[in-house]
Amino acid sequence: MTVPALRTLRATVDNVNGNGDVTVGVVSDCTATRTACLAAQDGPSGTAAETVRFVNSANTPRDVFIVVDALSANDGFTFTLTATLE
């Protein structure tokens, strides 16, 4: 998605079925997520909702990807994603 200049992206992942530990991140490049990570959230509670914020402090829009992941490949969670611009 594109985050306009001087705006904040807020993304919340809600673990609907309570299986596993979800994480959410904002990256600029999906092929290099470790080096392109702009913001991430993985709180201590395994099944709670996670919210991440990315502030685009530049004077130009920025294209980003929201990445939802799990601690384990076997978590089998179902989630909802809500993204808003502030």
N, C-alpha and C. Protein backbone atom coordinates (compact mmCIF):
# COMPACT_ATOMS: atom_id res chain seq x y z
N MET A 1 0.84 -1.15 0.00
CA MET A 1 0.00 0.00 0.00
C MET A 1 0.89 1.22 0.00
N THR A 2 0.33 2.36 -0.34
CA THR A 2 1.10 3.59 -0.37
C THR A 2 0.74 4.45 0.84
N VAL A 3 1.76 4.82 1.58
CA VAL A 3 1.57 5.71 2.73
C VAL A 3 1.90 7.12 2.26
N PRO A 4 0.92 8.02 2.26
CA PRO A 4 1.18 9.38 1.80
C PRO A 4 2.26 10.07 2.66
N ALA A 5 2.84 11.10 2.11
CA ALA A 5 3.85 11.87 2.82
C ALA A 5 3.29 12.38 4.15
N LEU A 6 4.13 12.30 5.18
CA LEU A 6 3.81 12.84 6.50
C LEU A 6 2.57 12.24 7.14
N ARG A 7 2.28 10.98 6.80
CA ARG A 7 1.13 10.27 7.38
C ARG A 7 1.63 9.01 8.10
N THR A 8 0.76 8.47 8.94
CA THR A 8 1.08 7.27 9.71
C THR A 8 0.17 6.12 9.29
N LEU A 9 0.77 4.98 9.04
CA LEU A 9 0.04 3.74 8.77
C LEU A 9 -0.07 2.98 10.08
N ARG A 10 -1.29 2.56 10.41
CA ARG A 10 -1.50 1.70 11.58
C ARG A 10 -2.12 0.41 11.08
N ALA A 11 -1.48 -0.72 11.38
CA ALA A 11 -1.97 -2.03 10.95
C ALA A 11 -2.16 -2.90 12.19
N THR A 12 -3.35 -3.47 12.32
CA THR A 12 -3.66 -4.35 13.45
C THR A 12 -4.05 -5.72 12.93
N VAL A 13 -3.43 -6.75 13.49
CA VAL A 13 -3.75 -8.13 13.16
C VAL A 13 -4.42 -8.73 14.39
N ASP A 14 -5.62 -9.27 14.17
CA ASP A 14 -6.36 -9.92 15.25
C ASP A 14 -6.38 -11.41 14.97
N ASN A 15 -5.87 -12.19 15.89
CA ASN A 15 -5.81 -13.64 15.78
C ASN A 15 -7.21 -14.19 16.12
N VAL A 16 -8.00 -14.46 15.11
CA VAL A 16 -9.41 -14.80 15.27
C VAL A 16 -9.63 -16.10 16.02
N ASN A 17 -8.91 -17.15 15.65
CA ASN A 17 -9.17 -18.45 16.28
C ASN A 17 -8.27 -18.76 17.46
N GLY A 18 -7.37 -17.83 17.82
CA GLY A 18 -6.55 -18.00 19.01
C GLY A 18 -5.43 -19.01 18.91
N ASN A 19 -5.16 -19.52 17.71
CA ASN A 19 -4.06 -20.47 17.54
C ASN A 19 -2.76 -19.73 17.27
N GLY A 20 -1.74 -20.01 18.03
CA GLY A 20 -0.41 -19.50 17.71
C GLY A 20 -0.15 -18.07 18.11
N ASP A 21 1.00 -17.59 17.71
CA ASP A 21 1.51 -16.27 18.04
C ASP A 21 1.73 -15.49 16.76
N VAL A 22 0.92 -14.47 16.50
CA VAL A 22 1.04 -13.68 15.28
C VAL A 22 2.00 -12.52 15.49
N THR A 23 2.62 -12.11 14.39
CA THR A 23 3.44 -10.91 14.35
C THR A 23 3.02 -10.11 13.14
N VAL A 24 3.25 -8.80 13.18
CA VAL A 24 2.92 -7.95 12.04
C VAL A 24 4.08 -6.98 11.83
N GLY A 25 4.39 -6.76 10.56
CA GLY A 25 5.48 -5.85 10.22
C GLY A 25 5.16 -5.03 9.00
N VAL A 26 5.92 -3.97 8.82
CA VAL A 26 5.83 -3.12 7.64
C VAL A 26 7.21 -3.13 7.01
N VAL A 27 7.27 -3.53 5.73
CA VAL A 27 8.55 -3.62 5.03
C VAL A 27 8.47 -2.85 3.72
N SER A 28 9.65 -2.47 3.23
CA SER A 28 9.71 -1.74 1.96
C SER A 28 10.03 -2.65 0.79
N ASP A 29 10.46 -3.88 1.08
CA ASP A 29 10.86 -4.81 0.02
C ASP A 29 10.58 -6.24 0.50
N CYS A 30 9.72 -6.94 -0.18
CA CYS A 30 9.36 -8.31 0.23
C CYS A 30 10.45 -9.33 -0.02
N THR A 31 11.43 -9.01 -0.85
CA THR A 31 12.49 -9.97 -1.13
C THR A 31 13.62 -9.90 -0.10
N ALA A 32 13.61 -8.88 0.74
CA ALA A 32 14.66 -8.72 1.75
C ALA A 32 14.04 -8.19 3.04
N THR A 33 13.11 -8.96 3.60
CA THR A 33 12.33 -8.45 4.73
C THR A 33 13.18 -8.13 5.96
N ARG A 34 14.26 -8.84 6.17
CA ARG A 34 15.10 -8.55 7.35
C ARG A 34 15.78 -7.19 7.25
N THR A 35 16.24 -6.82 6.07
CA THR A 35 16.93 -5.53 5.92
C THR A 35 15.99 -4.41 5.53
N ALA A 36 14.79 -4.74 5.08
CA ALA A 36 13.84 -3.73 4.62
C ALA A 36 12.74 -3.46 5.63
N CYS A 37 12.89 -3.99 6.84
CA CYS A 37 11.86 -3.81 7.86
C CYS A 37 11.82 -2.37 8.34
N LEU A 38 10.65 -1.76 8.26
CA LEU A 38 10.46 -0.37 8.69
C LEU A 38 9.85 -0.29 10.08
N ALA A 39 9.06 -1.30 10.45
CA ALA A 39 8.43 -1.36 11.77
C ALA A 39 7.91 -2.78 11.98
N ALA A 40 7.86 -3.22 13.24
CA ALA A 40 7.35 -4.57 13.53
C ALA A 40 6.82 -4.62 14.96
N GLN A 41 5.91 -5.57 15.17
CA GLN A 41 5.36 -5.77 16.51
C GLN A 41 5.12 -7.24 16.75
N ASP A 42 5.64 -7.72 17.86
CA ASP A 42 5.38 -9.08 18.33
C ASP A 42 5.37 -9.01 19.85
N GLY A 43 4.22 -8.74 20.41
CA GLY A 43 4.09 -8.59 21.85
C GLY A 43 4.24 -9.90 22.59
N PRO A 44 4.28 -9.83 23.91
CA PRO A 44 4.52 -11.02 24.73
C PRO A 44 3.35 -11.99 24.80
N SER A 45 2.15 -11.52 24.52
CA SER A 45 0.98 -12.39 24.63
C SER A 45 0.78 -13.14 23.33
N GLY A 46 0.78 -14.46 23.40
CA GLY A 46 0.75 -15.29 22.21
C GLY A 46 -0.46 -15.12 21.31
N THR A 47 -1.65 -14.94 21.85
CA THR A 47 -2.84 -14.91 21.00
C THR A 47 -3.50 -13.55 20.93
N ALA A 48 -2.87 -12.53 21.48
CA ALA A 48 -3.47 -11.19 21.47
C ALA A 48 -3.30 -10.51 20.11
N ALA A 49 -4.10 -9.49 19.87
CA ALA A 49 -3.95 -8.68 18.66
C ALA A 49 -2.61 -7.94 18.71
N GLU A 50 -2.03 -7.72 17.54
CA GLU A 50 -0.77 -6.99 17.42
C GLU A 50 -1.00 -5.77 16.55
N THR A 51 -0.48 -4.62 16.97
CA THR A 51 -0.62 -3.38 16.20
C THR A 51 0.76 -2.79 15.96
N VAL A 52 1.00 -2.41 14.70
CA VAL A 52 2.27 -1.78 14.34
C VAL A 52 1.96 -0.42 13.70
N ARG A 53 2.84 0.53 13.93
CA ARG A 53 2.70 1.86 13.32
C ARG A 53 3.97 2.18 12.54
N PHE A 54 3.76 2.75 11.35
CA PHE A 54 4.88 3.24 10.54
C PHE A 54 4.59 4.69 10.19
N VAL A 55 5.51 5.58 10.55
CA VAL A 55 5.38 7.01 10.25
C VAL A 55 6.21 7.31 9.01
N ASN A 56 5.56 7.78 7.96
CA ASN A 56 6.28 8.22 6.77
C ASN A 56 6.64 9.69 6.98
N SER A 57 7.83 9.92 7.46
CA SER A 57 8.27 11.29 7.76
C SER A 57 8.83 12.01 6.54
N ALA A 58 8.83 11.34 5.40
CA ALA A 58 9.34 11.95 4.16
C ALA A 58 8.30 12.87 3.54
N ASN A 59 8.74 13.70 2.64
CA ASN A 59 7.84 14.61 1.92
C ASN A 59 7.28 13.99 0.65
N THR A 60 7.49 12.67 0.49
CA THR A 60 6.97 11.96 -0.68
C THR A 60 6.28 10.68 -0.20
N PRO A 61 5.34 10.16 -0.99
CA PRO A 61 4.66 8.91 -0.62
C PRO A 61 5.66 7.75 -0.58
N ARG A 62 5.32 6.71 0.19
CA ARG A 62 6.19 5.54 0.31
C ARG A 62 5.37 4.28 0.14
N ASP A 63 5.79 3.42 -0.79
CA ASP A 63 5.13 2.13 -0.99
C ASP A 63 5.68 1.14 0.04
N VAL A 64 4.76 0.45 0.73
CA VAL A 64 5.15 -0.52 1.75
C VAL A 64 4.29 -1.77 1.63
N PHE A 65 4.73 -2.82 2.29
CA PHE A 65 3.98 -4.07 2.38
C PHE A 65 3.74 -4.36 3.85
N ILE A 66 2.55 -4.85 4.16
CA ILE A 66 2.23 -5.30 5.51
C ILE A 66 2.42 -6.82 5.52
N VAL A 67 3.24 -7.30 6.44
CA VAL A 67 3.56 -8.72 6.51
C VAL A 67 3.00 -9.30 7.81
N VAL A 68 2.24 -10.38 7.69
CA VAL A 68 1.72 -11.10 8.86
C VAL A 68 2.42 -12.44 8.90
N ASP A 69 2.93 -12.78 10.07
CA ASP A 69 3.70 -14.03 10.20
C ASP A 69 3.34 -14.70 11.52
N ALA A 70 3.85 -15.91 11.68
CA ALA A 70 3.62 -16.68 12.91
C ALA A 70 4.94 -17.17 13.46
N LEU A 71 4.95 -17.43 14.75
CA LEU A 71 6.15 -17.94 15.39
C LEU A 71 6.52 -19.31 14.83
N SER A 72 5.50 -20.12 14.55
CA SER A 72 5.72 -21.47 14.05
C SER A 72 4.92 -21.70 12.77
N ALA A 73 5.48 -22.46 11.86
CA ALA A 73 4.77 -22.79 10.62
C ALA A 73 3.53 -23.64 10.89
N ASN A 74 3.45 -24.25 12.06
CA ASN A 74 2.33 -25.13 12.41
C ASN A 74 1.23 -24.43 13.20
N ASP A 75 1.31 -23.11 13.36
CA ASP A 75 0.33 -22.39 14.18
C ASP A 75 -1.08 -22.46 13.62
N GLY A 76 -1.26 -22.42 12.32
CA GLY A 76 -2.58 -22.56 11.70
C GLY A 76 -3.58 -21.53 12.17
N PHE A 77 -3.18 -20.28 12.27
CA PHE A 77 -4.09 -19.25 12.76
C PHE A 77 -4.90 -18.62 11.65
N THR A 78 -6.06 -18.10 12.01
CA THR A 78 -6.90 -17.30 11.13
C THR A 78 -6.88 -15.89 11.68
N PHE A 79 -6.72 -14.89 10.81
CA PHE A 79 -6.60 -13.54 11.30
C PHE A 79 -7.40 -12.55 10.47
N THR A 80 -7.65 -11.39 11.06
CA THR A 80 -8.16 -10.24 10.32
C THR A 80 -7.10 -9.17 10.37
N LEU A 81 -7.00 -8.40 9.29
CA LEU A 81 -6.05 -7.32 9.19
C LEU A 81 -6.82 -6.03 8.96
N THR A 82 -6.56 -5.04 9.78
CA THR A 82 -7.15 -3.72 9.61
C THR A 82 -6.02 -2.71 9.45
N ALA A 83 -6.05 -1.96 8.36
CA ALA A 83 -5.03 -0.95 8.11
C ALA A 83 -5.70 0.41 7.93
N THR A 84 -5.17 1.40 8.64
CA THR A 84 -5.71 2.75 8.54
C THR A 84 -4.58 3.74 8.39
N LEU A 85 -4.91 4.88 7.79
CA LEU A 85 -3.96 5.97 7.68
C LEU A 85 -4.40 7.07 8.64
N GLU A 86 -3.44 7.57 9.38
CA GLU A 86 -3.73 8.63 10.35
C GLU A 86 -3.03 9.89 9.93
